[in-house]
N, C-alpha and C. Protein backbone atom coordinates (compact mmCIF):
# COMPACT_ATOMS: atom_id res chain seq x y z
N MET A 1 -1.96 -63.02 19.62
CA MET A 1 -3.35 -63.27 19.08
C MET A 1 -3.25 -63.31 17.53
N PHE A 2 -2.58 -62.29 16.93
CA PHE A 2 -2.47 -62.24 15.48
C PHE A 2 -1.83 -63.53 14.92
N ALA A 3 -0.83 -64.01 15.63
CA ALA A 3 -0.09 -65.21 15.18
C ALA A 3 -1.06 -66.42 15.10
N ARG A 4 -2.00 -66.45 16.06
CA ARG A 4 -2.94 -67.59 16.07
C ARG A 4 -3.95 -67.37 14.96
N LEU A 5 -4.36 -66.17 14.68
CA LEU A 5 -5.32 -65.95 13.61
C LEU A 5 -4.70 -66.12 12.27
N ASN A 6 -3.41 -65.83 12.18
CA ASN A 6 -2.66 -65.90 10.96
C ASN A 6 -2.11 -67.32 10.68
N LEU A 7 -2.64 -68.30 11.27
CA LEU A 7 -2.19 -69.63 11.05
C LEU A 7 -2.32 -70.13 9.64
N TRP A 8 -3.40 -69.83 9.03
CA TRP A 8 -3.65 -70.27 7.64
C TRP A 8 -3.80 -69.02 6.76
N THR A 9 -3.20 -69.12 5.57
CA THR A 9 -3.26 -68.09 4.60
C THR A 9 -3.90 -68.60 3.37
N PHE A 10 -4.92 -67.90 2.91
CA PHE A 10 -5.61 -68.28 1.68
C PHE A 10 -5.53 -67.17 0.68
N THR A 11 -5.35 -67.57 -0.54
CA THR A 11 -5.45 -66.55 -1.62
C THR A 11 -6.73 -66.88 -2.39
N LEU A 12 -7.58 -65.91 -2.38
CA LEU A 12 -8.83 -66.09 -3.07
C LEU A 12 -8.73 -65.33 -4.42
N PRO A 13 -8.76 -66.06 -5.52
CA PRO A 13 -8.68 -65.41 -6.81
C PRO A 13 -9.89 -64.52 -7.13
N GLY A 14 -9.61 -63.45 -7.74
CA GLY A 14 -10.72 -62.52 -8.17
C GLY A 14 -11.49 -63.02 -9.32
N LEU A 15 -12.56 -62.40 -9.67
CA LEU A 15 -13.39 -62.78 -10.81
C LEU A 15 -12.60 -62.88 -12.10
N GLY A 16 -11.67 -61.95 -12.26
CA GLY A 16 -10.89 -61.97 -13.49
C GLY A 16 -10.04 -63.23 -13.66
N GLU A 17 -9.79 -63.94 -12.56
CA GLU A 17 -9.04 -65.19 -12.62
C GLU A 17 -9.95 -66.45 -12.57
N ARG A 18 -11.24 -66.22 -12.47
CA ARG A 18 -12.19 -67.24 -12.39
C ARG A 18 -13.27 -67.04 -13.49
N ARG A 19 -12.86 -67.10 -14.70
CA ARG A 19 -13.77 -66.88 -15.84
C ARG A 19 -14.97 -67.75 -15.86
N GLU A 20 -14.78 -69.02 -15.35
CA GLU A 20 -15.86 -69.96 -15.39
C GLU A 20 -17.03 -69.53 -14.47
N ASP A 21 -16.82 -68.60 -13.54
CA ASP A 21 -17.83 -68.14 -12.64
C ASP A 21 -18.67 -67.00 -13.22
N ILE A 22 -18.27 -66.49 -14.38
CA ILE A 22 -18.97 -65.30 -14.94
C ILE A 22 -20.36 -65.65 -15.44
N GLU A 23 -20.47 -66.76 -16.19
CA GLU A 23 -21.76 -67.07 -16.76
C GLU A 23 -22.83 -67.36 -15.68
N PRO A 24 -22.58 -68.24 -14.70
CA PRO A 24 -23.56 -68.45 -13.70
C PRO A 24 -23.91 -67.19 -12.93
N ASN A 25 -22.93 -66.37 -12.68
CA ASN A 25 -23.18 -65.14 -11.90
C ASN A 25 -23.91 -64.10 -12.75
N LEU A 26 -23.79 -64.21 -14.10
CA LEU A 26 -24.59 -63.38 -14.90
C LEU A 26 -26.07 -63.68 -14.74
N ASP A 27 -26.40 -64.96 -14.75
CA ASP A 27 -27.78 -65.36 -14.49
C ASP A 27 -28.25 -65.00 -13.11
N TYR A 28 -27.34 -65.17 -12.12
CA TYR A 28 -27.71 -64.77 -10.74
C TYR A 28 -28.02 -63.26 -10.69
N GLU A 29 -27.23 -62.45 -11.27
CA GLU A 29 -27.48 -61.03 -11.21
C GLU A 29 -28.74 -60.62 -11.93
N LEU A 30 -29.10 -61.36 -13.04
CA LEU A 30 -30.38 -61.10 -13.69
C LEU A 30 -31.52 -61.47 -12.78
N ASP A 31 -31.41 -62.57 -12.06
CA ASP A 31 -32.47 -62.99 -11.13
C ASP A 31 -32.52 -61.94 -9.95
N ARG A 32 -31.40 -61.50 -9.46
CA ARG A 32 -31.47 -60.48 -8.43
C ARG A 32 -32.16 -59.19 -8.89
N PHE A 33 -31.91 -58.81 -10.11
CA PHE A 33 -32.47 -57.59 -10.73
C PHE A 33 -33.98 -57.82 -10.74
N ALA A 34 -34.44 -58.98 -11.18
CA ALA A 34 -35.84 -59.29 -11.30
C ALA A 34 -36.53 -59.19 -9.95
N GLU A 35 -35.85 -59.78 -8.96
CA GLU A 35 -36.42 -59.79 -7.61
C GLU A 35 -36.51 -58.34 -7.03
N ARG A 36 -35.46 -57.56 -7.29
CA ARG A 36 -35.39 -56.20 -6.71
C ARG A 36 -36.36 -55.27 -7.43
N GLU A 37 -36.44 -55.35 -8.78
CA GLU A 37 -37.17 -54.42 -9.54
C GLU A 37 -38.57 -54.96 -9.96
N GLY A 38 -38.83 -56.23 -9.76
CA GLY A 38 -40.08 -56.77 -10.15
C GLY A 38 -40.27 -56.94 -11.65
N THR A 39 -39.21 -56.92 -12.38
CA THR A 39 -39.23 -57.02 -13.89
C THR A 39 -38.18 -58.05 -14.28
N ARG A 40 -38.56 -59.05 -15.09
CA ARG A 40 -37.69 -60.05 -15.59
C ARG A 40 -37.03 -59.48 -16.85
N VAL A 41 -35.72 -59.44 -16.89
CA VAL A 41 -34.97 -58.98 -18.05
C VAL A 41 -34.11 -60.08 -18.55
N THR A 42 -34.09 -60.28 -19.89
CA THR A 42 -33.27 -61.35 -20.47
C THR A 42 -32.46 -60.81 -21.63
N PHE A 43 -31.43 -61.56 -22.05
CA PHE A 43 -30.61 -61.24 -23.14
C PHE A 43 -31.17 -61.94 -24.41
N ASN A 44 -31.02 -61.30 -25.57
CA ASN A 44 -31.23 -62.08 -26.75
C ASN A 44 -30.00 -62.90 -26.98
N LYS A 45 -30.10 -63.95 -27.83
CA LYS A 45 -28.97 -64.93 -27.92
C LYS A 45 -27.64 -64.29 -28.29
N GLU A 46 -27.63 -63.45 -29.36
CA GLU A 46 -26.43 -62.84 -29.85
C GLU A 46 -25.80 -61.91 -28.82
N ALA A 47 -26.67 -61.15 -28.13
CA ALA A 47 -26.21 -60.25 -27.12
C ALA A 47 -25.51 -60.95 -25.97
N ARG A 48 -26.17 -62.04 -25.54
CA ARG A 48 -25.56 -62.84 -24.49
C ARG A 48 -24.20 -63.35 -24.83
N GLU A 49 -24.15 -63.94 -26.09
CA GLU A 49 -22.83 -64.49 -26.55
C GLU A 49 -21.78 -63.48 -26.61
N ARG A 50 -22.12 -62.23 -27.09
CA ARG A 50 -21.10 -61.17 -27.16
C ARG A 50 -20.67 -60.67 -25.78
N TYR A 51 -21.66 -60.59 -24.88
CA TYR A 51 -21.27 -60.14 -23.56
C TYR A 51 -20.37 -61.16 -22.82
N LEU A 52 -20.70 -62.44 -22.98
CA LEU A 52 -19.86 -63.47 -22.36
C LEU A 52 -18.50 -63.57 -23.01
N ALA A 53 -18.44 -63.34 -24.32
CA ALA A 53 -17.13 -63.37 -25.02
C ALA A 53 -16.25 -62.19 -24.46
N PHE A 54 -16.87 -61.07 -24.27
CA PHE A 54 -16.10 -59.94 -23.68
C PHE A 54 -15.74 -60.26 -22.26
N ALA A 55 -16.73 -60.65 -21.46
CA ALA A 55 -16.55 -60.85 -19.96
C ALA A 55 -15.50 -61.91 -19.66
N THR A 56 -15.34 -62.89 -20.49
CA THR A 56 -14.44 -63.98 -20.22
C THR A 56 -13.12 -63.81 -21.00
N ALA A 57 -12.95 -62.75 -21.75
CA ALA A 57 -11.70 -62.51 -22.49
C ALA A 57 -10.57 -62.22 -21.54
N PRO A 58 -9.33 -62.60 -21.94
CA PRO A 58 -8.20 -62.39 -21.07
C PRO A 58 -7.95 -60.91 -20.68
N ASP A 59 -8.41 -59.93 -21.46
CA ASP A 59 -8.19 -58.54 -21.12
C ASP A 59 -9.33 -57.97 -20.35
N ALA A 60 -10.32 -58.69 -19.95
CA ALA A 60 -11.41 -58.22 -19.11
C ALA A 60 -10.87 -58.20 -17.68
N ARG A 61 -10.80 -57.03 -17.05
CA ARG A 61 -10.09 -56.87 -15.80
C ARG A 61 -10.90 -57.28 -14.55
N TRP A 62 -12.18 -56.87 -14.53
CA TRP A 62 -12.99 -57.15 -13.40
C TRP A 62 -12.34 -56.80 -12.08
N ALA A 63 -11.70 -55.62 -12.00
CA ALA A 63 -10.97 -55.18 -10.86
C ALA A 63 -11.91 -55.14 -9.58
N GLY A 64 -13.10 -54.80 -9.84
CA GLY A 64 -14.09 -54.66 -8.72
C GLY A 64 -14.78 -55.95 -8.51
N ASN A 65 -14.30 -57.01 -9.08
CA ASN A 65 -14.90 -58.38 -8.94
C ASN A 65 -16.39 -58.40 -9.20
N PHE A 66 -17.13 -58.97 -8.28
CA PHE A 66 -18.56 -59.17 -8.50
C PHE A 66 -19.29 -57.83 -8.46
N ARG A 67 -18.80 -56.85 -7.78
CA ARG A 67 -19.42 -55.52 -7.80
C ARG A 67 -19.46 -54.97 -9.24
N ASP A 68 -18.36 -55.10 -9.99
CA ASP A 68 -18.35 -54.71 -11.36
C ASP A 68 -19.36 -55.44 -12.21
N LEU A 69 -19.41 -56.73 -12.01
CA LEU A 69 -20.34 -57.56 -12.83
C LEU A 69 -21.80 -57.20 -12.46
N ALA A 70 -22.08 -57.04 -11.13
CA ALA A 70 -23.45 -56.67 -10.74
C ALA A 70 -23.85 -55.31 -11.29
N ALA A 71 -22.96 -54.36 -11.22
CA ALA A 71 -23.26 -53.02 -11.76
C ALA A 71 -23.42 -53.08 -13.30
N SER A 72 -22.64 -53.86 -13.95
CA SER A 72 -22.75 -53.94 -15.43
C SER A 72 -24.17 -54.52 -15.80
N VAL A 73 -24.53 -55.60 -15.12
CA VAL A 73 -25.83 -56.24 -15.43
C VAL A 73 -26.94 -55.31 -15.05
N THR A 74 -26.86 -54.59 -13.95
CA THR A 74 -27.93 -53.62 -13.57
C THR A 74 -28.05 -52.58 -14.57
N ARG A 75 -26.90 -51.97 -15.06
CA ARG A 75 -27.00 -50.96 -16.12
C ARG A 75 -27.67 -51.46 -17.34
N MET A 76 -27.23 -52.63 -17.83
CA MET A 76 -27.84 -53.18 -19.09
C MET A 76 -29.36 -53.46 -18.90
N ALA A 77 -29.66 -54.06 -17.74
CA ALA A 77 -31.11 -54.40 -17.46
C ALA A 77 -31.92 -53.15 -17.38
N THR A 78 -31.46 -52.14 -16.72
CA THR A 78 -32.15 -50.87 -16.53
C THR A 78 -32.39 -50.14 -17.88
N LEU A 79 -31.37 -50.19 -18.68
CA LEU A 79 -31.47 -49.48 -20.01
C LEU A 79 -32.01 -50.30 -21.16
N SER A 80 -32.29 -51.56 -20.89
CA SER A 80 -32.72 -52.46 -21.97
C SER A 80 -34.09 -52.07 -22.47
N PRO A 81 -34.27 -52.04 -23.78
CA PRO A 81 -35.59 -51.78 -24.32
C PRO A 81 -36.53 -52.96 -24.13
N LYS A 82 -37.64 -52.75 -23.48
CA LYS A 82 -38.71 -53.72 -23.33
C LYS A 82 -38.27 -54.99 -22.61
N GLY A 83 -37.32 -54.85 -21.66
CA GLY A 83 -36.91 -55.97 -20.85
C GLY A 83 -36.03 -56.98 -21.61
N ARG A 84 -35.49 -56.57 -22.74
CA ARG A 84 -34.59 -57.51 -23.56
C ARG A 84 -33.27 -56.77 -23.79
N ILE A 85 -32.24 -57.32 -23.33
CA ILE A 85 -30.88 -56.78 -23.54
C ILE A 85 -30.45 -57.15 -24.94
N ASP A 86 -30.20 -56.19 -25.77
CA ASP A 86 -29.88 -56.46 -27.19
C ASP A 86 -28.38 -56.18 -27.41
N VAL A 87 -27.92 -56.38 -28.64
CA VAL A 87 -26.55 -56.23 -29.04
C VAL A 87 -26.07 -54.76 -28.80
N ASP A 88 -26.95 -53.81 -29.12
CA ASP A 88 -26.55 -52.41 -28.93
C ASP A 88 -26.31 -52.11 -27.44
N SER A 89 -27.13 -52.66 -26.61
CA SER A 89 -26.96 -52.46 -25.12
C SER A 89 -25.65 -53.07 -24.68
N VAL A 90 -25.35 -54.25 -25.17
CA VAL A 90 -24.08 -54.93 -24.83
C VAL A 90 -22.91 -54.14 -25.31
N GLN A 91 -23.01 -53.66 -26.58
CA GLN A 91 -21.86 -52.92 -27.14
C GLN A 91 -21.60 -51.63 -26.36
N ALA A 92 -22.67 -50.92 -25.98
CA ALA A 92 -22.54 -49.74 -25.12
C ALA A 92 -21.87 -50.05 -23.78
N GLU A 93 -22.29 -51.11 -23.19
CA GLU A 93 -21.76 -51.56 -21.87
C GLU A 93 -20.31 -51.95 -22.01
N VAL A 94 -19.97 -52.68 -23.00
CA VAL A 94 -18.58 -53.11 -23.24
C VAL A 94 -17.66 -51.91 -23.37
N SER A 95 -18.09 -50.95 -24.21
CA SER A 95 -17.34 -49.73 -24.41
C SER A 95 -17.17 -48.98 -23.07
N ARG A 96 -18.22 -48.88 -22.35
CA ARG A 96 -18.19 -48.22 -21.03
C ARG A 96 -17.18 -48.88 -20.07
N LEU A 97 -17.26 -50.18 -20.00
CA LEU A 97 -16.37 -50.94 -19.09
C LEU A 97 -14.89 -50.76 -19.53
N ARG A 98 -14.69 -50.83 -20.83
CA ARG A 98 -13.27 -50.66 -21.30
C ARG A 98 -12.74 -49.20 -20.96
N ARG A 99 -13.59 -48.22 -21.13
CA ARG A 99 -13.15 -46.90 -20.76
C ARG A 99 -12.89 -46.78 -19.29
N LEU A 100 -13.81 -47.38 -18.49
CA LEU A 100 -13.70 -47.33 -17.05
C LEU A 100 -12.39 -48.05 -16.59
N TRP A 101 -12.11 -49.21 -17.13
CA TRP A 101 -10.96 -49.93 -16.73
C TRP A 101 -9.66 -49.26 -17.23
N ALA A 102 -9.73 -48.64 -18.37
CA ALA A 102 -8.54 -47.93 -18.86
C ALA A 102 -8.25 -46.69 -17.91
N ALA A 103 -9.29 -46.02 -17.50
CA ALA A 103 -9.11 -44.89 -16.62
C ALA A 103 -8.62 -45.29 -15.26
N GLU A 104 -9.04 -46.48 -14.75
CA GLU A 104 -8.63 -46.96 -13.43
C GLU A 104 -7.28 -47.56 -13.39
N GLY A 105 -6.89 -48.21 -14.41
CA GLY A 105 -5.62 -48.97 -14.33
C GLY A 105 -4.45 -48.36 -15.08
N ASP A 106 -3.51 -49.27 -15.27
CA ASP A 106 -2.27 -48.80 -15.88
C ASP A 106 -2.40 -48.78 -17.42
N THR A 107 -3.56 -48.97 -17.92
CA THR A 107 -3.82 -48.92 -19.34
C THR A 107 -4.12 -47.54 -19.80
N ASN A 108 -3.84 -46.51 -19.00
CA ASN A 108 -4.09 -45.13 -19.43
C ASN A 108 -2.99 -44.84 -20.46
N ASP A 109 -3.15 -45.27 -21.67
CA ASP A 109 -2.12 -45.27 -22.65
C ASP A 109 -2.20 -44.01 -23.59
N GLY A 110 -3.15 -43.11 -23.31
CA GLY A 110 -3.30 -41.93 -24.12
C GLY A 110 -3.92 -42.05 -25.43
N LEU A 111 -4.40 -43.26 -25.80
CA LEU A 111 -5.06 -43.42 -27.08
C LEU A 111 -6.35 -42.65 -27.21
N ALA A 112 -7.06 -42.53 -26.09
CA ALA A 112 -8.33 -41.81 -26.08
C ALA A 112 -8.25 -40.37 -26.52
N ALA A 113 -7.07 -39.75 -26.37
CA ALA A 113 -6.87 -38.38 -26.82
C ALA A 113 -6.84 -38.22 -28.30
N VAL A 114 -6.51 -39.29 -29.04
CA VAL A 114 -6.36 -39.21 -30.47
C VAL A 114 -7.28 -40.19 -31.27
N MET A 115 -7.96 -41.05 -30.61
CA MET A 115 -8.83 -42.02 -31.26
C MET A 115 -10.19 -42.12 -30.54
N SER A 116 -11.18 -42.49 -31.36
CA SER A 116 -12.52 -42.70 -30.77
C SER A 116 -12.51 -43.99 -29.97
N ALA A 117 -13.49 -44.11 -29.06
CA ALA A 117 -13.58 -45.31 -28.23
C ALA A 117 -13.83 -46.55 -29.12
N GLU A 118 -14.57 -46.41 -30.20
CA GLU A 118 -14.81 -47.51 -31.11
C GLU A 118 -13.55 -47.95 -31.78
N ALA A 119 -12.72 -46.99 -32.22
CA ALA A 119 -11.46 -47.33 -32.87
C ALA A 119 -10.52 -48.06 -31.91
N ILE A 120 -10.54 -47.60 -30.66
CA ILE A 120 -9.68 -48.26 -29.65
C ILE A 120 -10.17 -49.67 -29.39
N ASP A 121 -11.49 -49.81 -29.31
CA ASP A 121 -12.08 -51.20 -29.12
C ASP A 121 -11.68 -52.10 -30.23
N ASP A 122 -11.49 -51.63 -31.47
CA ASP A 122 -11.18 -52.45 -32.60
C ASP A 122 -9.73 -52.83 -32.62
N LEU A 123 -8.91 -52.27 -31.78
CA LEU A 123 -7.47 -52.66 -31.79
C LEU A 123 -7.19 -53.98 -31.04
N ASP A 124 -6.29 -54.78 -31.66
CA ASP A 124 -5.79 -55.95 -30.94
C ASP A 124 -4.93 -55.48 -29.75
N PRO A 125 -4.88 -56.26 -28.70
CA PRO A 125 -4.03 -55.85 -27.55
C PRO A 125 -2.60 -55.59 -27.96
N PHE A 126 -2.02 -56.36 -28.87
CA PHE A 126 -0.65 -56.16 -29.34
C PHE A 126 -0.51 -54.79 -30.01
N ASP A 127 -1.43 -54.45 -30.94
CA ASP A 127 -1.42 -53.18 -31.60
C ASP A 127 -1.60 -52.03 -30.65
N ARG A 128 -2.44 -52.22 -29.63
CA ARG A 128 -2.72 -51.19 -28.63
C ARG A 128 -1.47 -50.75 -27.94
N VAL A 129 -0.74 -51.75 -27.40
CA VAL A 129 0.48 -51.42 -26.69
C VAL A 129 1.54 -50.79 -27.57
N GLN A 130 1.72 -51.33 -28.77
CA GLN A 130 2.69 -50.77 -29.68
C GLN A 130 2.34 -49.36 -30.14
N LEU A 131 1.07 -49.12 -30.42
CA LEU A 131 0.64 -47.75 -30.82
C LEU A 131 0.75 -46.81 -29.67
N ALA A 132 0.36 -47.22 -28.51
CA ALA A 132 0.46 -46.31 -27.36
C ALA A 132 1.92 -45.87 -27.09
N HIS A 133 2.85 -46.78 -27.24
CA HIS A 133 4.28 -46.47 -27.10
C HIS A 133 4.69 -45.46 -28.22
N ALA A 134 4.27 -45.70 -29.44
CA ALA A 134 4.63 -44.80 -30.54
C ALA A 134 4.02 -43.39 -30.30
N ILE A 135 2.87 -43.34 -29.81
CA ILE A 135 2.22 -42.02 -29.54
C ILE A 135 2.98 -41.33 -28.40
N ASP A 136 3.30 -42.08 -27.34
CA ASP A 136 4.06 -41.49 -26.26
C ASP A 136 5.44 -40.91 -26.73
N VAL A 137 6.13 -41.64 -27.60
CA VAL A 137 7.40 -41.14 -28.13
C VAL A 137 7.19 -39.90 -28.95
N CYS A 138 6.12 -39.94 -29.80
CA CYS A 138 5.79 -38.79 -30.63
C CYS A 138 5.53 -37.54 -29.78
N ARG A 139 4.78 -37.70 -28.73
CA ARG A 139 4.48 -36.59 -27.83
C ARG A 139 5.75 -35.96 -27.17
N ARG A 140 6.70 -36.81 -26.87
CA ARG A 140 7.91 -36.30 -26.25
C ARG A 140 8.93 -35.79 -27.28
N SER A 141 8.70 -36.03 -28.52
CA SER A 141 9.67 -35.60 -29.55
C SER A 141 9.32 -34.24 -30.16
N ARG A 142 10.36 -33.56 -30.64
CA ARG A 142 10.15 -32.25 -31.21
C ARG A 142 9.71 -32.32 -32.66
N SER A 143 10.00 -33.46 -33.31
CA SER A 143 9.69 -33.58 -34.77
C SER A 143 9.31 -35.02 -35.07
N LEU A 144 8.75 -35.23 -36.23
CA LEU A 144 8.49 -36.53 -36.71
C LEU A 144 9.80 -37.35 -36.88
N SER A 145 10.80 -36.69 -37.44
CA SER A 145 12.09 -37.34 -37.69
C SER A 145 12.75 -37.78 -36.34
N GLU A 146 12.65 -36.90 -35.35
CA GLU A 146 13.24 -37.28 -34.04
C GLU A 146 12.49 -38.53 -33.44
N ALA A 147 11.17 -38.52 -33.57
CA ALA A 147 10.36 -39.63 -33.07
C ALA A 147 10.67 -40.86 -33.88
N GLY A 148 10.85 -40.81 -35.16
CA GLY A 148 11.16 -41.94 -35.97
C GLY A 148 12.56 -42.54 -35.58
N ARG A 149 13.57 -41.69 -35.41
CA ARG A 149 14.89 -42.13 -35.01
C ARG A 149 14.84 -42.85 -33.66
N SER A 150 14.04 -42.28 -32.76
CA SER A 150 13.92 -42.93 -31.42
C SER A 150 13.22 -44.27 -31.48
N LEU A 151 12.18 -44.35 -32.30
CA LEU A 151 11.38 -45.60 -32.31
C LEU A 151 12.11 -46.73 -33.13
N PHE A 152 12.89 -46.34 -34.08
CA PHE A 152 13.54 -47.31 -34.92
C PHE A 152 15.06 -47.29 -34.77
N SER A 153 15.54 -47.02 -33.54
CA SER A 153 16.96 -46.86 -33.30
C SER A 153 17.77 -48.15 -33.54
N ALA A 154 17.21 -49.32 -33.18
CA ALA A 154 17.93 -50.55 -33.37
C ALA A 154 18.11 -50.89 -34.81
N SER A 155 17.04 -50.76 -35.58
CA SER A 155 17.09 -51.08 -37.03
C SER A 155 17.89 -49.99 -37.76
N LEU A 156 17.99 -48.80 -37.23
CA LEU A 156 18.78 -47.71 -37.85
C LEU A 156 20.24 -48.14 -37.98
N LYS A 157 20.76 -48.85 -37.05
CA LYS A 157 22.17 -49.29 -37.05
C LYS A 157 22.42 -50.30 -38.09
N ARG A 158 21.41 -51.03 -38.52
CA ARG A 158 21.60 -52.12 -39.50
C ARG A 158 21.42 -51.71 -40.92
N ARG A 159 20.84 -50.50 -41.14
CA ARG A 159 20.56 -50.03 -42.52
C ARG A 159 21.55 -48.99 -43.02
N ALA A 160 21.78 -49.01 -44.27
CA ALA A 160 22.62 -48.00 -44.89
C ALA A 160 21.87 -46.68 -45.07
N SER A 161 20.67 -46.74 -45.61
CA SER A 161 19.94 -45.51 -45.77
C SER A 161 18.58 -45.70 -45.11
N THR A 162 18.10 -44.62 -44.48
CA THR A 162 16.94 -44.70 -43.74
C THR A 162 16.06 -43.47 -43.93
N ASN A 163 14.76 -43.72 -43.75
CA ASN A 163 13.86 -42.58 -43.70
C ASN A 163 12.81 -42.92 -42.56
N ASP A 164 13.28 -42.85 -41.33
CA ASP A 164 12.47 -43.26 -40.21
C ASP A 164 11.17 -42.40 -40.07
N ALA A 165 11.25 -41.15 -40.51
CA ALA A 165 10.08 -40.27 -40.44
C ALA A 165 9.00 -40.80 -41.34
N ASP A 166 9.35 -41.22 -42.56
CA ASP A 166 8.34 -41.76 -43.50
C ASP A 166 7.87 -43.09 -42.93
N ARG A 167 8.70 -43.86 -42.38
CA ARG A 167 8.28 -45.15 -41.78
C ARG A 167 7.31 -44.96 -40.69
N LEU A 168 7.50 -43.96 -39.82
CA LEU A 168 6.65 -43.67 -38.71
C LEU A 168 5.27 -43.04 -39.30
N ARG A 169 5.42 -42.22 -40.28
CA ARG A 169 4.20 -41.62 -40.88
C ARG A 169 3.29 -42.74 -41.42
N LYS A 170 3.90 -43.69 -42.09
CA LYS A 170 3.07 -44.85 -42.67
C LYS A 170 2.50 -45.70 -41.54
N TYR A 171 3.28 -45.90 -40.49
CA TYR A 171 2.78 -46.66 -39.34
C TYR A 171 1.54 -46.00 -38.70
N LEU A 172 1.66 -44.70 -38.48
CA LEU A 172 0.53 -43.94 -37.90
C LEU A 172 -0.68 -43.92 -38.81
N ALA A 173 -0.46 -43.85 -40.09
CA ALA A 173 -1.55 -43.81 -41.11
C ALA A 173 -2.36 -45.15 -41.07
N ARG A 174 -1.70 -46.25 -40.69
CA ARG A 174 -2.46 -47.52 -40.58
C ARG A 174 -3.59 -47.39 -39.56
N PHE A 175 -3.46 -46.51 -38.66
CA PHE A 175 -4.51 -46.28 -37.63
C PHE A 175 -5.25 -44.94 -37.81
N ASP A 176 -5.18 -44.45 -39.04
CA ASP A 176 -5.81 -43.16 -39.37
C ASP A 176 -5.35 -42.03 -38.45
N LEU A 177 -4.04 -42.02 -38.14
CA LEU A 177 -3.42 -40.96 -37.31
C LEU A 177 -2.35 -40.29 -38.09
N SER A 178 -2.04 -39.04 -37.63
CA SER A 178 -0.94 -38.30 -38.25
C SER A 178 -0.07 -37.66 -37.15
N TRP A 179 1.10 -37.27 -37.51
CA TRP A 179 1.97 -36.52 -36.57
C TRP A 179 1.34 -35.35 -36.01
N LEU A 180 0.63 -34.59 -36.87
CA LEU A 180 0.02 -33.32 -36.37
C LEU A 180 -1.03 -33.58 -35.36
N GLN A 181 -1.85 -34.62 -35.53
CA GLN A 181 -2.85 -34.93 -34.53
C GLN A 181 -2.24 -35.13 -33.14
N ILE A 182 -1.16 -35.89 -33.18
CA ILE A 182 -0.49 -36.27 -31.91
C ILE A 182 0.22 -35.03 -31.31
N ALA A 183 0.92 -34.29 -32.17
CA ALA A 183 1.71 -33.16 -31.71
C ALA A 183 0.77 -32.06 -31.14
N ASP A 184 -0.41 -31.99 -31.67
CA ASP A 184 -1.41 -30.93 -31.20
C ASP A 184 -1.85 -31.14 -29.78
N ILE A 185 -1.72 -32.39 -29.23
CA ILE A 185 -2.29 -32.60 -27.87
C ILE A 185 -1.18 -32.65 -26.85
N ARG A 186 0.00 -32.27 -27.20
CA ARG A 186 1.07 -32.27 -26.20
C ARG A 186 0.86 -31.28 -25.12
């Protein structure tokens, strides 16, 4: 019986792989909210643009597919002042989704222990991965010098004189972090 049912195999891409479906479904979810709650809620122009930019970005996970999108729209619509979703509402929702996705997925990079959510949101994906690795090495190291030697081991072989601790200190300072902040949360 299973062999007969298993004749055709389909792979249905999730919402994260179908970015073009986000905007029409955003409108659909707003209509559903209006029908359910009896209140029409809309975005102001800038808020809608920001939300769509976030929602269609490559790092937007949408692991819960349309459930995530529906819940996101419901939260913003419910909390919107006077039936109008503004930039502040969008920013709060974007921060919430990023924290949620970081907690659910493999992006639990430990940055939240040493940085504010806003500072993390301001990081480029490249910097986020690199900084998370540096923080992980710092946490496992007994000293700043040991962490520096570990992080810069390949370039250490090419240089005659090195001060990897200073190099690491300057790198962390770019993100307003210090060795002591990281070492304190081990």
